[in-house]
C-alpha atoms as a PDB file:
ATOM      1  CA  MET A   1      23.042  14.173  47.639  1.00  0.00           C
ATOM      2  CA  ARG A   2      24.111  13.664  51.256  1.00  0.00           C
ATOM      3  CA  ALA A   3      22.660  17.025  52.247  1.00  0.00           C
ATOM      4  CA  LYS A   4      19.282  16.141  50.735  1.00  0.00           C
ATOM      5  CA  ARG A   5      19.271  12.829  52.588  1.00  0.00           C
ATOM      6  CA  LYS A   6      20.176  14.510  55.898  1.00  0.00           C
ATOM      7  CA  ILE A   7      17.369  17.025  55.459  1.00  0.00           C
ATOM      8  CA  LYS A   8      14.907  14.290  54.585  1.00  0.00           C
ATOM      9  CA  ASP A   9      16.025  12.033  57.462  1.00  0.00           C
ATOM     10  CA  ALA A  10      15.809  14.927  59.931  1.00  0.00           C
ATOM     11  CA  GLY A  11      12.284  15.740  58.745  1.00  0.00           C
ATOM     12  CA  ILE A  12      13.113  19.381  58.033  1.00  0.00           C
ATOM     13  CA  PRO A  13      10.259  20.828  55.963  1.00  0.00           C
ATOM     14  CA  TYR A  14      10.953  22.899  52.861  1.00  0.00           C
ATOM     15  CA  GLN A  15       9.487  26.364  53.240  1.00  0.00           C
ATOM     16  CA  VAL A  16       9.543  29.216  50.778  1.00  0.00           C
ATOM     17  CA  PRO A  17      10.353  32.423  52.663  1.00  0.00           C
ATOM     18  CA  SER A  18       7.544  34.928  52.902  1.00  0.00           C
ATOM     19  CA  GLN A  19       7.731  38.055  50.739  1.00  0.00           C
ATOM     20  CA  ARG A  20       8.589  40.172  53.776  1.00  0.00           C
ATOM     21  CA  ASP A  21      11.546  37.898  54.671  1.00  0.00           C
ATOM     22  CA  LEU A  22      13.156  38.125  51.234  1.00  0.00           C
ATOM     23  CA  PRO A  23      14.940  41.496  51.662  1.00  0.00           C
ATOM     24  CA  ASP A  24      16.686  40.189  54.804  1.00  0.00           C
ATOM     25  CA  ARG A  25      18.151  37.317  52.778  1.00  0.00           C
ATOM     26  CA  LEU A  26      19.175  39.360  49.763  1.00  0.00           C
ATOM     27  CA  ASP A  27      22.773  40.025  50.811  1.00  0.00           C
ATOM     28  CA  ALA A  28      23.565  36.325  51.280  1.00  0.00           C
ATOM     29  CA  VAL A  29      21.932  35.411  47.963  1.00  0.00           C
ATOM     30  CA  LEU A  30      23.846  38.124  46.097  1.00  0.00           C
ATOM     31  CA  ARG A  31      27.127  36.927  47.606  1.00  0.00           C
ATOM     32  CA  VAL A  32      26.527  33.343  46.508  1.00  0.00           C
ATOM     33  CA  ILE A  33      25.548  34.366  42.983  1.00  0.00           C
ATOM     34  CA  TYR A  34      28.670  36.519  42.722  1.00  0.00           C
ATOM     35  CA  LEU A  35      30.884  33.675  43.987  1.00  0.00           C
ATOM     36  CA  VAL A  36      29.409  31.305  41.406  1.00  0.00           C
ATOM     37  CA  PHE A  37      30.030  33.882  38.667  1.00  0.00           C
ATOM     38  CA  ASN A  38      33.616  34.447  39.781  1.00  0.00           C
ATOM     39  CA  GLU A  39      34.329  30.727  39.777  1.00  0.00           C
ATOM     40  CA  GLY A  40      32.986  30.547  36.241  1.00  0.00           C
ATOM     41  CA  TYR A  41      34.911  33.588  35.078  1.00  0.00           C
ATOM     42  CA  SER A  42      38.199  32.445  36.596  1.00  0.00           C
ATOM     43  CA  ALA A  43      38.101  28.822  37.769  1.00  0.00           C
ATOM     44  CA  SER A  44      40.095  28.041  40.903  1.00  0.00           C
ATOM     45  CA  SER A  45      40.780  24.453  39.828  1.00  0.00           C
ATOM     46  CA  GLY A  46      40.384  22.074  36.933  1.00  0.00           C
ATOM     47  CA  SER A  47      41.785  21.839  33.452  1.00  0.00           C
ATOM     48  CA  SER A  48      39.977  24.917  32.126  1.00  0.00           C
ATOM     49  CA  LEU A  49      40.713  28.497  33.127  1.00  0.00           C
ATOM     50  CA  THR A  50      37.036  29.397  32.861  1.00  0.00           C
ATOM     51  CA  ARG A  51      33.695  27.665  33.388  1.00  0.00           C
ATOM     52  CA  HIS A  52      31.109  29.175  31.056  1.00  0.00           C
ATOM     53  CA  ASP A  53      28.437  26.952  32.592  1.00  0.00           C
ATOM     54  CA  LEU A  54      28.923  28.519  36.026  1.00  0.00           C
ATOM     55  CA  SER A  55      29.035  32.114  34.883  1.00  0.00           C
ATOM     56  CA  GLY A  56      25.989  31.487  32.696  1.00  0.00           C
ATOM     57  CA  GLU A  57      24.118  29.958  35.614  1.00  0.00           C
ATOM     58  CA  ALA A  58      24.988  32.919  37.837  1.00  0.00           C
ATOM     59  CA  ILE A  59      23.603  35.293  35.204  1.00  0.00           C
ATOM     60  CA  ARG A  60      20.442  33.187  34.936  1.00  0.00           C
ATOM     61  CA  LEU A  61      20.024  33.294  38.715  1.00  0.00           C
ATOM     62  CA  GLY A  62      20.636  37.041  38.732  1.00  0.00           C
ATOM     63  CA  ARG A  63      17.871  37.549  36.184  1.00  0.00           C
ATOM     64  CA  LEU A  64      15.526  35.311  38.160  1.00  0.00           C
ATOM     65  CA  LEU A  65      16.312  37.200  41.350  1.00  0.00           C
ATOM     66  CA  ILE A  66      15.416  40.513  39.722  1.00  0.00           C
ATOM     67  CA  GLU A  67      12.066  39.063  38.663  1.00  0.00           C
ATOM     68  CA  LEU A  68      11.370  38.045  42.256  1.00  0.00           C
ATOM     69  CA  LEU A  69      12.929  40.996  44.038  1.00  0.00           C
ATOM     70  CA  PRO A  70      13.776  43.995  41.813  1.00  0.00           C
ATOM     71  CA  GLU A  71      16.186  45.654  44.239  1.00  0.00           C
ATOM     72  CA  PRO A  72      18.964  48.021  43.077  1.00  0.00           C
ATOM     73  CA  GLU A  73      21.685  45.747  44.508  1.00  0.00           C
ATOM     74  CA  ALA A  74      20.445  42.786  42.464  1.00  0.00           C
ATOM     75  CA  MET A  75      20.213  44.897  39.315  1.00  0.00           C
ATOM     76  CA  GLY A  76      23.727  46.211  39.892  1.00  0.00           C
ATOM     77  CA  LEU A  77      25.159  42.725  40.323  1.00  0.00           C
ATOM     78  CA  LEU A  78      23.475  41.512  37.151  1.00  0.00           C
ATOM     79  CA  GLY A  79      24.819  44.525  35.275  1.00  0.00           C
ATOM     80  CA  LEU A  80      28.343  43.831  36.533  1.00  0.00           C
ATOM     81  CA  MET A  81      28.149  40.176  35.529  1.00  0.00           C
ATOM     82  CA  LEU A  82      26.795  41.026  32.067  1.00  0.00           C
ATOM     83  CA  ILE A  83      29.561  43.568  31.452  1.00  0.00           C
ATOM     84  CA  GLN A  84      32.238  41.088  32.516  1.00  0.00           C
ATOM     85  CA  GLU A  85      30.697  38.320  30.424  1.00  0.00           C
ATOM     86  CA  SER A  86      30.568  40.585  27.370  1.00  0.00           C
ATOM     87  CA  ARG A  87      34.310  41.153  27.730  1.00  0.00           C
ATOM     88  CA  ARG A  88      35.142  37.444  27.926  1.00  0.00           C
ATOM     89  CA  ALA A  89      35.516  37.036  24.156  1.00  0.00           C
ATOM     90  CA  ARG A  90      37.894  39.993  24.025  1.00  0.00           C
ATOM     91  CA  ALA A  91      39.990  38.568  26.867  1.00  0.00           C
ATOM     92  CA  LEU A  92      40.558  35.193  25.194  1.00  0.00           C
ATOM     93  CA  PRO A  93      43.811  34.875  23.265  1.00  0.00           C
ATOM     94  CA  ARG A  94      43.419  34.872  19.494  1.00  0.00           C
ATOM     95  CA  ARG A  95      44.832  31.944  17.573  1.00  0.00           C
ATOM     96  CA  GLY A  96      46.447  32.068  14.173  1.00  0.00           C
ATOM     97  CA  ILE A  97      47.148  35.773  14.212  1.00  0.00           C
END
């Protein structure tokens, strides 16, 4: 919330990047999505070892990114996240066996 207030108080306008600027920003966006996924897959803190909400959100963002900018790097990241997510159930310890 503080960041939003600072932006508002500074009068910084919100601007959607032009279509030609998007490829230059792709690497940074992919890195952030991957970091969010990793934190969901293996949480660095908290009472839970995983955060399904974060990994799910990263996958949602990856799908959205491909709709906006269908680049091979974005498709590859989404594929990697989907493979890892599909393995999550197999990685969880089984109870009662």
